[in-house]
Amino acid sequence: MQVLLEEDYISAVAGKEQLFRRLLVHPAIREVRSAGLLIAVEFENFELNKRVIDSCIDKGLLTDWFLFAPQCMRIAPPLTIAEEEIQTACSIILTAITQIIS
């Protein structure tokens, strides 16, 4: 808790959340929901979500789905994630979607 307060990670969360939301735009994405850096990317169904997740993992991005919403990709990075890492993660996700849809 002391490190969180001293490094002021909390104040950067809203900006990082908005960066994810701004970058994660694709016709196959039905909705992006978030509470801070706990993010759900909703797809049409579990099958598409699972294919995107598997592709992301193959590309080095660890992600998963929500058990209560299997059509939603779960993104939960650490508070210390850098903006460049967010851009890279979103690029991997969008590339995976594009490769699967086309």
PDB file of N, CA and C in Angstrom:
ATOM      1  N   MET A   1       0.827  -1.171   0.000  1.00  0.00           N
ATOM      2  CA  MET A   1       0.000   0.000   0.000  1.00  0.00           C
ATOM      3  C   MET A   1       0.885   1.253   0.000  1.00  0.00           C
ATOM      4  N   GLN A   2       1.967   1.190   0.743  1.00  0.00           N
ATOM      5  CA  GLN A   2       2.869   2.335   0.805  1.00  0.00           C
ATOM      6  C   GLN A   2       3.437   2.654  -0.578  1.00  0.00           C
ATOM      7  N   VAL A   3       3.827   1.626  -1.334  1.00  0.00           N
ATOM      8  CA  VAL A   3       4.376   1.842  -2.674  1.00  0.00           C
ATOM      9  C   VAL A   3       3.309   2.450  -3.589  1.00  0.00           C
ATOM     10  N   LEU A   4       2.071   1.940  -3.511  1.00  0.00           N
ATOM     11  CA  LEU A   4       0.992   2.495  -4.321  1.00  0.00           C
ATOM     12  C   LEU A   4       0.823   3.986  -4.076  1.00  0.00           C
ATOM     13  N   LEU A   5       0.894   4.367  -2.828  1.00  0.00           N
ATOM     14  CA  LEU A   5       0.729   5.773  -2.474  1.00  0.00           C
ATOM     15  C   LEU A   5       1.950   6.607  -2.867  1.00  0.00           C
ATOM     16  N   GLU A   6       3.135   6.084  -2.605  1.00  0.00           N
ATOM     17  CA  GLU A   6       4.357   6.829  -2.890  1.00  0.00           C
ATOM     18  C   GLU A   6       4.595   6.998  -4.393  1.00  0.00           C
ATOM     19  N   GLU A   7       4.336   5.955  -5.163  1.00  0.00           N
ATOM     20  CA  GLU A   7       4.579   6.005  -6.609  1.00  0.00           C
ATOM     21  C   GLU A   7       3.406   6.618  -7.368  1.00  0.00           C
ATOM     22  N   ASP A   8       2.299   6.829  -6.704  1.00  0.00           N
ATOM     23  CA  ASP A   8       1.113   7.470  -7.268  1.00  0.00           C
ATOM     24  C   ASP A   8       0.573   6.735  -8.502  1.00  0.00           C
ATOM     25  N   TYR A   9       0.573   5.403  -8.446  1.00  0.00           N
ATOM     26  CA  TYR A   9       0.042   4.600  -9.541  1.00  0.00           C
ATOM     27  C   TYR A   9      -1.455   4.826  -9.738  1.00  0.00           C
ATOM     28  N   ILE A  10      -2.156   5.063  -8.657  1.00  0.00           N
ATOM     29  CA  ILE A  10      -3.608   5.186  -8.706  1.00  0.00           C
ATOM     30  C   ILE A  10      -4.045   6.354  -9.599  1.00  0.00           C
ATOM     31  N   SER A  11      -3.341   7.459  -9.545  1.00  0.00           N
ATOM     32  CA  SER A  11      -3.755   8.631 -10.324  1.00  0.00           C
ATOM     33  C   SER A  11      -3.638   8.403 -11.836  1.00  0.00           C
ATOM     34  N   ALA A  12      -2.840   7.429 -12.246  1.00  0.00           N
ATOM     35  CA  ALA A  12      -2.649   7.161 -13.677  1.00  0.00           C
ATOM     36  C   ALA A  12      -3.641   6.142 -14.230  1.00  0.00           C
ATOM     37  N   VAL A  13      -4.410   5.502 -13.357  1.00  0.00           N
ATOM     38  CA  VAL A  13      -5.311   4.433 -13.791  1.00  0.00           C
ATOM     39  C   VAL A  13      -6.356   4.933 -14.788  1.00  0.00           C
ATOM     40  N   ALA A  14      -6.984   6.040 -14.518  1.00  0.00           N
ATOM     41  CA  ALA A  14      -8.046   6.536 -15.405  1.00  0.00           C
ATOM     42  C   ALA A  14      -7.517   6.800 -16.817  1.00  0.00           C
ATOM     43  N   GLY A  15      -6.350   7.374 -16.926  1.00  0.00           N
ATOM     44  CA  GLY A  15      -5.767   7.632 -18.236  1.00  0.00           C
ATOM     45  C   GLY A  15      -5.422   6.347 -18.976  1.00  0.00           C
ATOM     46  N   LYS A  16      -4.914   5.375 -18.259  1.00  0.00           N
ATOM     47  CA  LYS A  16      -4.579   4.083 -18.868  1.00  0.00           C
ATOM     48  C   LYS A  16      -5.849   3.349 -19.295  1.00  0.00           C
ATOM     49  N   GLU A  17      -6.875   3.431 -18.484  1.00  0.00           N
ATOM     50  CA  GLU A  17      -8.174   2.832 -18.822  1.00  0.00           C
ATOM     51  C   GLU A  17      -8.708   3.446 -20.114  1.00  0.00           C
ATOM     52  N   GLN A  18      -8.644   4.765 -20.223  1.00  0.00           N
ATOM     53  CA  GLN A  18      -9.133   5.455 -21.422  1.00  0.00           C
ATOM     54  C   GLN A  18      -8.300   5.105 -22.655  1.00  0.00           C
ATOM     55  N   LEU A  19      -7.019   4.891 -22.474  1.00  0.00           N
ATOM     56  CA  LEU A  19      -6.164   4.496 -23.588  1.00  0.00           C
ATOM     57  C   LEU A  19      -6.602   3.136 -24.127  1.00  0.00           C
ATOM     58  N   PHE A  20      -6.835   2.178 -23.241  1.00  0.00           N
ATOM     59  CA  PHE A  20      -7.350   0.875 -23.674  1.00  0.00           C
ATOM     60  C   PHE A  20      -8.648   1.057 -24.451  1.00  0.00           C
ATOM     61  N   ARG A  21      -9.578   1.837 -23.892  1.00  0.00           N
ATOM     62  CA  ARG A  21     -10.887   2.022 -24.512  1.00  0.00           C
ATOM     63  C   ARG A  21     -10.769   2.718 -25.878  1.00  0.00           C
ATOM     64  N   ARG A  22      -9.854   3.646 -25.997  1.00  0.00           N
ATOM     65  CA  ARG A  22      -9.663   4.370 -27.251  1.00  0.00           C
ATOM     66  C   ARG A  22      -9.057   3.463 -28.334  1.00  0.00           C
ATOM     67  N   LEU A  23      -8.157   2.572 -27.930  1.00  0.00           N
ATOM     68  CA  LEU A  23      -7.454   1.729 -28.898  1.00  0.00           C
ATOM     69  C   LEU A  23      -8.232   0.469 -29.288  1.00  0.00           C
ATOM     70  N   LEU A  24      -9.042  -0.040 -28.388  1.00  0.00           N
ATOM     71  CA  LEU A  24      -9.752  -1.294 -28.657  1.00  0.00           C
ATOM     72  C   LEU A  24     -11.051  -1.038 -29.422  1.00  0.00           C
ATOM     73  N   VAL A  25     -10.894  -0.703 -30.684  1.00  0.00           N
ATOM     74  CA  VAL A  25     -12.030  -0.429 -31.562  1.00  0.00           C
ATOM     75  C   VAL A  25     -11.906  -1.324 -32.788  1.00  0.00           C
ATOM     76  N   HIS A  26     -12.931  -2.133 -33.006  1.00  0.00           N
ATOM     77  CA  HIS A  26     -12.983  -3.042 -34.147  1.00  0.00           C
ATOM     78  C   HIS A  26     -14.436  -3.467 -34.318  1.00  0.00           C
ATOM     79  N   PRO A  27     -14.888  -3.667 -35.547  1.00  0.00           N
ATOM     80  CA  PRO A  27     -16.279  -4.076 -35.745  1.00  0.00           C
ATOM     81  C   PRO A  27     -16.661  -5.373 -35.018  1.00  0.00           C
ATOM     82  N   ALA A  28     -15.695  -6.248 -34.781  1.00  0.00           N
ATOM     83  CA  ALA A  28     -15.985  -7.516 -34.090  1.00  0.00           C
ATOM     84  C   ALA A  28     -16.129  -7.340 -32.582  1.00  0.00           C
ATOM     85  N   ILE A  29     -15.705  -6.198 -32.066  1.00  0.00           N
ATOM     86  CA  ILE A  29     -15.834  -5.930 -30.625  1.00  0.00           C
ATOM     87  C   ILE A  29     -17.197  -5.298 -30.390  1.00  0.00           C
ATOM     88  N   ARG A  30     -18.024  -5.998 -29.634  1.00  0.00           N
ATOM     89  CA  ARG A  30     -19.370  -5.482 -29.362  1.00  0.00           C
ATOM     90  C   ARG A  30     -19.353  -4.360 -28.336  1.00  0.00           C
ATOM     91  N   GLU A  31     -18.513  -4.511 -27.315  1.00  0.00           N
ATOM     92  CA  GLU A  31     -18.473  -3.511 -26.238  1.00  0.00           C
ATOM     93  C   GLU A  31     -17.185  -3.688 -25.446  1.00  0.00           C
ATOM     94  N   VAL A  32     -16.690  -2.586 -24.908  1.00  0.00           N
ATOM     95  CA  VAL A  32     -15.578  -2.616 -23.970  1.00  0.00           C
ATOM     96  C   VAL A  32     -16.098  -2.015 -22.670  1.00  0.00           C
ATOM     97  N   ARG A  33     -16.069  -2.811 -21.610  1.00  0.00           N
ATOM     98  CA  ARG A  33     -16.499  -2.339 -20.288  1.00  0.00           C
ATOM     99  C   ARG A  33     -15.287  -2.347 -19.371  1.00  0.00           C
ATOM    100  N   SER A  34     -15.272  -1.416 -18.442  1.00  0.00           N
ATOM    101  CA  SER A  34     -14.112  -1.375 -17.550  1.00  0.00           C
ATOM    102  C   SER A  34     -14.451  -0.726 -16.221  1.00  0.00           C
ATOM    103  N   ALA A  35     -13.690  -1.127 -15.248  1.00  0.00           N
ATOM    104  CA  ALA A  35     -13.661  -0.495 -13.928  1.00  0.00           C
ATOM    105  C   ALA A  35     -12.184  -0.370 -13.612  1.00  0.00           C
ATOM    106  N   GLY A  36     -11.635   0.788 -13.912  1.00  0.00           N
ATOM    107  CA  GLY A  36     -10.190   0.943 -13.774  1.00  0.00           C
ATOM    108  C   GLY A  36      -9.509   0.089 -14.822  1.00  0.00           C
ATOM    109  N   LEU A  37      -8.540  -0.699 -14.414  1.00  0.00           N
ATOM    110  CA  LEU A  37      -7.821  -1.549 -15.349  1.00  0.00           C
ATOM    111  C   LEU A  37      -8.343  -2.985 -15.375  1.00  0.00           C
ATOM    112  N   LEU A  38      -9.524  -3.219 -14.855  1.00  0.00           N
ATOM    113  CA  LEU A  38     -10.201  -4.502 -15.035  1.00  0.00           C
ATOM    114  C   LEU A  38     -11.140  -4.289 -16.219  1.00  0.00           C
ATOM    115  N   ILE A  39     -10.802  -4.903 -17.346  1.00  0.00           N
ATOM    116  CA  ILE A  39     -11.454  -4.591 -18.617  1.00  0.00           C
ATOM    117  C   ILE A  39     -12.064  -5.853 -19.216  1.00  0.00           C
ATOM    118  N   ALA A  40     -13.274  -5.703 -19.765  1.00  0.00           N
ATOM    119  CA  ALA A  40     -13.946  -6.784 -20.479  1.00  0.00           C
ATOM    120  C   ALA A  40     -14.151  -6.341 -21.916  1.00  0.00           C
ATOM    121  N   VAL A  41     -13.679  -7.152 -22.850  1.00  0.00           N
ATOM    122  CA  VAL A  41     -13.876  -6.902 -24.276  1.00  0.00           C
ATOM    123  C   VAL A  41     -14.876  -7.950 -24.756  1.00  0.00           C
ATOM    124  N   GLU A  42     -16.060  -7.504 -25.128  1.00  0.00           N
ATOM    125  CA  GLU A  42     -17.128  -8.442 -25.480  1.00  0.00           C
ATOM    126  C   GLU A  42     -17.157  -8.722 -26.981  1.00  0.00           C
ATOM    127  N   PHE A  43     -17.249 -10.014 -27.296  1.00  0.00           N
ATOM    128  CA  PHE A  43     -17.388 -10.479 -28.668  1.00  0.00           C
ATOM    129  C   PHE A  43     -18.757 -11.119 -28.840  1.00  0.00           C
ATOM    130  N   GLU A  44     -19.050 -11.534 -30.057  1.00  0.00           N
ATOM    131  CA  GLU A  44     -20.351 -12.120 -30.372  1.00  0.00           C
ATOM    132  C   GLU A  44     -20.617 -13.393 -29.574  1.00  0.00           C
ATOM    133  N   ASN A  45     -19.583 -14.231 -29.407  1.00  0.00           N
ATOM    134  CA  ASN A  45     -19.780 -15.510 -28.728  1.00  0.00           C
ATOM    135  C   ASN A  45     -18.457 -16.015 -28.151  1.00  0.00           C
ATOM    136  N   PHE A  46     -18.551 -17.080 -27.394  1.00  0.00           N
ATOM    137  CA  PHE A  46     -17.374 -17.663 -26.760  1.00  0.00           C
ATOM    138  C   PHE A  46     -16.379 -18.186 -27.796  1.00  0.00           C
ATOM    139  N   GLU A  47     -16.868 -18.768 -28.875  1.00  0.00           N
ATOM    140  CA  GLU A  47     -15.988 -19.361 -29.869  1.00  0.00           C
ATOM    141  C   GLU A  47     -15.035 -18.314 -30.464  1.00  0.00           C
ATOM    142  N   LEU A  48     -15.575 -17.165 -30.829  1.00  0.00           N
ATOM    143  CA  LEU A  48     -14.726 -16.091 -31.357  1.00  0.00           C
ATOM    144  C   LEU A  48     -13.775 -15.594 -30.277  1.00  0.00           C
ATOM    145  N   ASN A  49     -14.281 -15.385 -29.086  1.00  0.00           N
ATOM    146  CA  ASN A  49     -13.446 -14.919 -27.973  1.00  0.00           C
ATOM    147  C   ASN A  49     -12.290 -15.889 -27.727  1.00  0.00           C
ATOM    148  N   LYS A  50     -12.585 -17.173 -27.711  1.00  0.00           N
ATOM    149  CA  LYS A  50     -11.549 -18.183 -27.445  1.00  0.00           C
ATOM    150  C   LYS A  50     -10.495 -18.173 -28.546  1.00  0.00           C
ATOM    151  N   ARG A  51     -10.906 -18.021 -29.789  1.00  0.00           N
ATOM    152  CA  ARG A  51      -9.938 -17.967 -30.886  1.00  0.00           C
ATOM    153  C   ARG A  51      -9.040 -16.741 -30.766  1.00  0.00           C
ATOM    154  N   VAL A  52      -9.621 -15.599 -30.389  1.00  0.00           N
ATOM    155  CA  VAL A  52      -8.832 -14.380 -30.203  1.00  0.00           C
ATOM    156  C   VAL A  52      -7.858 -14.568 -29.037  1.00  0.00           C
ATOM    157  N   ILE A  53      -8.348 -15.105 -27.942  1.00  0.00           N
ATOM    158  CA  ILE A  53      -7.493 -15.341 -26.774  1.00  0.00           C
ATOM    159  C   ILE A  53      -6.336 -16.266 -27.131  1.00  0.00           C
ATOM    160  N   ASP A  54      -6.624 -17.372 -27.811  1.00  0.00           N
ATOM    161  CA  ASP A  54      -5.563 -18.313 -28.192  1.00  0.00           C
ATOM    162  C   ASP A  54      -4.522 -17.641 -29.087  1.00  0.00           C
ATOM    163  N   SER A  55      -4.979 -16.822 -30.019  1.00  0.00           N
ATOM    164  CA  SER A  55      -4.058 -16.105 -30.895  1.00  0.00           C
ATOM    165  C   SER A  55      -3.204 -15.119 -30.103  1.00  0.00           C
ATOM    166  N   CYS A  56      -3.823 -14.414 -29.163  1.00  0.00           N
ATOM    167  CA  CYS A  56      -3.068 -13.472 -28.315  1.00  0.00           C
ATOM    168  C   CYS A  56      -1.989 -14.198 -27.521  1.00  0.00           C
ATOM    169  N   ILE A  57      -2.347 -15.337 -26.958  1.00  0.00           N
ATOM    170  CA  ILE A  57      -1.379 -16.118 -26.180  1.00  0.00           C
ATOM    171  C   ILE A  57      -0.231 -16.562 -27.078  1.00  0.00           C
ATOM    172  N   ASP A  58      -0.553 -17.005 -28.298  1.00  0.00           N
ATOM    173  CA  ASP A  58       0.497 -17.398 -29.254  1.00  0.00           C
ATOM    174  C   ASP A  58       1.436 -16.238 -29.573  1.00  0.00           C
ATOM    175  N   LYS A  59       0.911 -15.016 -29.501  1.00  0.00           N
ATOM    176  CA  LYS A  59       1.702 -13.819 -29.807  1.00  0.00           C
ATOM    177  C   LYS A  59       2.370 -13.236 -28.554  1.00  0.00           C
ATOM    178  N   GLY A  60       2.231 -13.916 -27.403  1.00  0.00           N
ATOM    179  CA  GLY A  60       2.917 -13.497 -26.187  1.00  0.00           C
ATOM    180  C   GLY A  60       2.108 -12.633 -25.239  1.00  0.00           C
ATOM    181  N   LEU A  61       0.803 -12.478 -25.501  1.00  0.00           N
ATOM    182  CA  LEU A  61      -0.054 -11.671 -24.630  1.00  0.00           C
ATOM    183  C   LEU A  61      -0.959 -12.599 -23.826  1.00  0.00           C
ATOM    184  N   LEU A  62      -0.779 -12.617 -22.525  1.00  0.00           N
ATOM    185  CA  LEU A  62      -1.596 -13.471 -21.667  1.00  0.00           C
ATOM    186  C   LEU A  62      -2.913 -12.794 -21.353  1.00  0.00           C
ATOM    187  N   THR A  63      -3.998 -13.486 -21.647  1.00  0.00           N
ATOM    188  CA  THR A  63      -5.337 -13.007 -21.347  1.00  0.00           C
ATOM    189  C   THR A  63      -6.227 -14.212 -21.114  1.00  0.00           C
ATOM    190  N   ASP A  64      -7.476 -13.971 -20.773  1.00  0.00           N
ATOM    191  CA  ASP A  64      -8.384 -15.047 -20.422  1.00  0.00           C
ATOM    192  C   ASP A  64      -9.807 -14.551 -20.633  1.00  0.00           C
ATOM    193  N   TRP A  65     -10.783 -15.332 -20.229  1.00  0.00           N
ATOM    194  CA  TRP A  65     -12.175 -14.904 -20.297  1.00  0.00           C
ATOM    195  C   TRP A  65     -12.784 -14.946 -18.912  1.00  0.00           C
ATOM    196  N   PHE A  66     -13.952 -14.351 -18.780  1.00  0.00           N
ATOM    197  CA  PHE A  66     -14.679 -14.357 -17.511  1.00  0.00           C
ATOM    198  C   PHE A  66     -15.554 -15.602 -17.461  1.00  0.00           C
ATOM    199  N   LEU A  67     -15.522 -16.337 -16.367  1.00  0.00           N
ATOM    200  CA  LEU A  67     -16.349 -17.539 -16.245  1.00  0.00           C
ATOM    201  C   LEU A  67     -17.836 -17.208 -16.331  1.00  0.00           C
ATOM    202  N   PHE A  68     -18.238 -16.052 -15.828  1.00  0.00           N
ATOM    203  CA  PHE A  68     -19.650 -15.663 -15.835  1.00  0.00           C
ATOM    204  C   PHE A  68     -20.050 -14.975 -17.141  1.00  0.00           C
ATOM    205  N   ALA A  69     -19.092 -14.690 -18.007  1.00  0.00           N
ATOM    206  CA  ALA A  69     -19.361 -14.061 -19.301  1.00  0.00           C
ATOM    207  C   ALA A  69     -18.332 -14.589 -20.304  1.00  0.00           C
ATOM    208  N   PRO A  70     -18.493 -15.811 -20.760  1.00  0.00           N
ATOM    209  CA  PRO A  70     -17.471 -16.432 -21.602  1.00  0.00           C
ATOM    210  C   PRO A  70     -17.251 -15.755 -22.952  1.00  0.00           C
ATOM    211  N   GLN A  71     -18.144 -14.872 -23.368  1.00  0.00           N
ATOM    212  CA  GLN A  71     -17.953 -14.142 -24.619  1.00  0.00           C
ATOM    213  C   GLN A  71     -17.085 -12.902 -24.422  1.00  0.00           C
ATOM    214  N   CYS A  72     -16.622 -12.676 -23.190  1.00  0.00           N
ATOM    215  CA  CYS A  72     -15.824 -11.489 -22.870  1.00  0.00           C
ATOM    216  C   CYS A  72     -14.382 -11.833 -22.526  1.00  0.00           C
ATOM    217  N   MET A  73     -13.459 -11.194 -23.243  1.00  0.00           N
ATOM    218  CA  MET A  73     -12.038 -11.316 -22.937  1.00  0.00           C
ATOM    219  C   MET A  73     -11.742 -10.508 -21.676  1.00  0.00           C
ATOM    220  N   ARG A  74     -10.946 -11.077 -20.810  1.00  0.00           N
ATOM    221  CA  ARG A  74     -10.571 -10.411 -19.563  1.00  0.00           C
ATOM    222  C   ARG A  74      -9.179  -9.819 -19.724  1.00  0.00           C
ATOM    223  N   ILE A  75      -9.074  -8.517 -19.477  1.00  0.00           N
ATOM    224  CA  ILE A  75      -7.783  -7.839 -19.471  1.00  0.00           C
ATOM    225  C   ILE A  75      -7.615  -7.226 -18.086  1.00  0.00           C
ATOM    226  N   ALA A  76      -6.572  -7.618 -17.398  1.00  0.00           N
ATOM    227  CA  ALA A  76      -6.338  -7.129 -16.035  1.00  0.00           C
ATOM    228  C   ALA A  76      -4.845  -6.906 -15.822  1.00  0.00           C
ATOM    229  N   PRO A  77      -4.292  -5.858 -16.433  1.00  0.00           N
ATOM    230  CA  PRO A  77      -2.857  -5.607 -16.299  1.00  0.00           C
ATOM    231  C   PRO A  77      -2.515  -5.039 -14.921  1.00  0.00           C
ATOM    232  N   PRO A  78      -1.243  -5.087 -14.571  1.00  0.00           N
ATOM    233  CA  PRO A  78      -0.827  -4.457 -13.317  1.00  0.00           C
ATOM    234  C   PRO A  78      -0.943  -2.936 -13.435  1.00  0.00           C
ATOM    235  N   LEU A  79      -1.076  -2.274 -12.324  1.00  0.00           N
ATOM    236  CA  LEU A  79      -1.178  -0.815 -12.313  1.00  0.00           C
ATOM    237  C   LEU A  79       0.081  -0.161 -12.868  1.00  0.00           C
ATOM    238  N   THR A  80       1.166  -0.883 -12.870  1.00  0.00           N
ATOM    239  CA  THR A  80       2.445  -0.343 -13.334  1.00  0.00           C
ATOM    240  C   THR A  80       2.613  -0.419 -14.857  1.00  0.00           C
ATOM    241  N   ILE A  81       1.622  -0.911 -15.565  1.00  0.00           N
ATOM    242  CA  ILE A  81       1.744  -1.042 -17.020  1.00  0.00           C
ATOM    243  C   ILE A  81       2.016   0.328 -17.648  1.00  0.00           C
ATOM    244  N   ALA A  82       2.941   0.339 -18.605  1.00  0.00           N
ATOM    245  CA  ALA A  82       3.306   1.577 -19.300  1.00  0.00           C
ATOM    246  C   ALA A  82       2.397   1.778 -20.511  1.00  0.00           C
ATOM    247  N   GLU A  83       2.273   3.015 -20.956  1.00  0.00           N
ATOM    248  CA  GLU A  83       1.432   3.309 -22.115  1.00  0.00           C
ATOM    249  C   GLU A  83       1.907   2.550 -23.354  1.00  0.00           C
ATOM    250  N   GLU A  84       3.204   2.398 -23.526  1.00  0.00           N
ATOM    251  CA  GLU A  84       3.732   1.645 -24.662  1.00  0.00           C
ATOM    252  C   GLU A  84       3.293   0.187 -24.590  1.00  0.00           C
ATOM    253  N   GLU A  85       3.247  -0.369 -23.396  1.00  0.00           N
ATOM    254  CA  GLU A  85       2.801  -1.753 -23.225  1.00  0.00           C
ATOM    255  C   GLU A  85       1.305  -1.882 -23.535  1.00  0.00           C
ATOM    256  N   ILE A  86       0.538  -0.879 -23.180  1.00  0.00           N
ATOM    257  CA  ILE A  86      -0.894  -0.875 -23.510  1.00  0.00           C
ATOM    258  C   ILE A  86      -1.063  -0.847 -25.020  1.00  0.00           C
ATOM    259  N   GLN A  87      -0.300   0.003 -25.693  1.00  0.00           N
ATOM    260  CA  GLN A  87      -0.379   0.086 -27.153  1.00  0.00           C
ATOM    261  C   GLN A  87      -0.002  -1.242 -27.793  1.00  0.00           C
ATOM    262  N   THR A  88       1.031  -1.887 -27.279  1.00  0.00           N
ATOM    263  CA  THR A  88       1.457  -3.180 -27.805  1.00  0.00           C
ATOM    264  C   THR A  88       0.374  -4.229 -27.582  1.00  0.00           C
ATOM    265  N   ALA A  89      -0.183  -4.273 -26.391  1.00  0.00           N
ATOM    266  CA  ALA A  89      -1.231  -5.251 -26.073  1.00  0.00           C
ATOM    267  C   ALA A  89      -2.442  -5.058 -26.983  1.00  0.00           C
ATOM    268  N   CYS A  90      -2.874  -3.832 -27.153  1.00  0.00           N
ATOM    269  CA  CYS A  90      -4.034  -3.554 -28.007  1.00  0.00           C
ATOM    270  C   CYS A  90      -3.736  -3.905 -29.453  1.00  0.00           C
ATOM    271  N   SER A  91      -2.534  -3.644 -29.904  1.00  0.00           N
ATOM    272  CA  SER A  91      -2.136  -4.004 -31.260  1.00  0.00           C
ATOM    273  C   SER A  91      -2.198  -5.514 -31.461  1.00  0.00           C
ATOM    274  N   ILE A  92      -1.734  -6.269 -30.490  1.00  0.00           N
ATOM    275  CA  ILE A  92      -1.784  -7.735 -30.566  1.00  0.00           C
ATOM    276  C   ILE A  92      -3.233  -8.205 -30.630  1.00  0.00           C
ATOM    277  N   ILE A  93      -4.093  -7.643 -29.798  1.00  0.00           N
ATOM    278  CA  ILE A  93      -5.506  -8.025 -29.784  1.00  0.00           C
ATOM    279  C   ILE A  93      -6.163  -7.717 -31.126  1.00  0.00           C
ATOM    280  N   LEU A  94      -5.950  -6.517 -31.644  1.00  0.00           N
ATOM    281  CA  LEU A  94      -6.556  -6.130 -32.912  1.00  0.00           C
ATOM    282  C   LEU A  94      -6.020  -6.955 -34.079  1.00  0.00           C
ATOM    283  N   THR A  95      -4.736  -7.266 -34.052  1.00  0.00           N
ATOM    284  CA  THR A  95      -4.153  -8.132 -35.088  1.00  0.00           C
ATOM    285  C   THR A  95      -4.773  -9.511 -35.029  1.00  0.00           C
ATOM    286  N   ALA A  96      -4.939 -10.048 -33.830  1.00  0.00           N
ATOM    287  CA  ALA A  96      -5.549 -11.374 -33.671  1.00  0.00           C
ATOM    288  C   ALA A  96      -6.970 -11.372 -34.224  1.00  0.00           C
ATOM    289  N   ILE A  97      -7.735 -10.352 -33.896  1.00  0.00           N
ATOM    290  CA  ILE A  97      -9.119 -10.264 -34.390  1.00  0.00           C
ATOM    291  C   ILE A  97      -9.130 -10.212 -35.911  1.00  0.00           C
ATOM    292  N   THR A  98      -8.303  -9.357 -36.470  1.00  0.00           N
ATOM    293  CA  THR A  98      -8.267  -9.178 -37.923  1.00  0.00           C
ATOM    294  C   THR A  98      -7.884 -10.466 -38.628  1.00  0.00           C
ATOM    295  N   GLN A  99      -6.914 -11.189 -38.097  1.00  0.00           N
ATOM    296  CA  GLN A  99      -6.488 -12.447 -38.710  1.00  0.00           C
ATOM    297  C   GLN A  99      -7.591 -13.502 -38.645  1.00  0.00           C
ATOM    298  N   ILE A 100      -8.364 -13.492 -37.576  1.00  0.00           N
ATOM    299  CA  ILE A 100      -9.421 -14.490 -37.410  1.00  0.00           C
ATOM    300  C   ILE A 100     -10.633 -14.159 -38.265  1.00  0.00           C
ATOM    301  N   ILE A 101     -10.988 -12.884 -38.332  1.00  0.00           N
ATOM    302  CA  ILE A 101     -12.179 -12.455 -39.065  1.00  0.00           C
ATOM    303  C   ILE A 101     -11.972 -12.568 -40.578  1.00  0.00           C
ATOM    304  N   SER A 102     -10.761 -12.290 -41.040  1.00  0.00           N
ATOM    305  CA  SER A 102     -10.548 -12.277 -42.505  1.00  0.00           C
ATOM    306  C   SER A 102     -10.395 -13.655 -43.091  1.00  0.00           C
TER     307      SER A 102
END
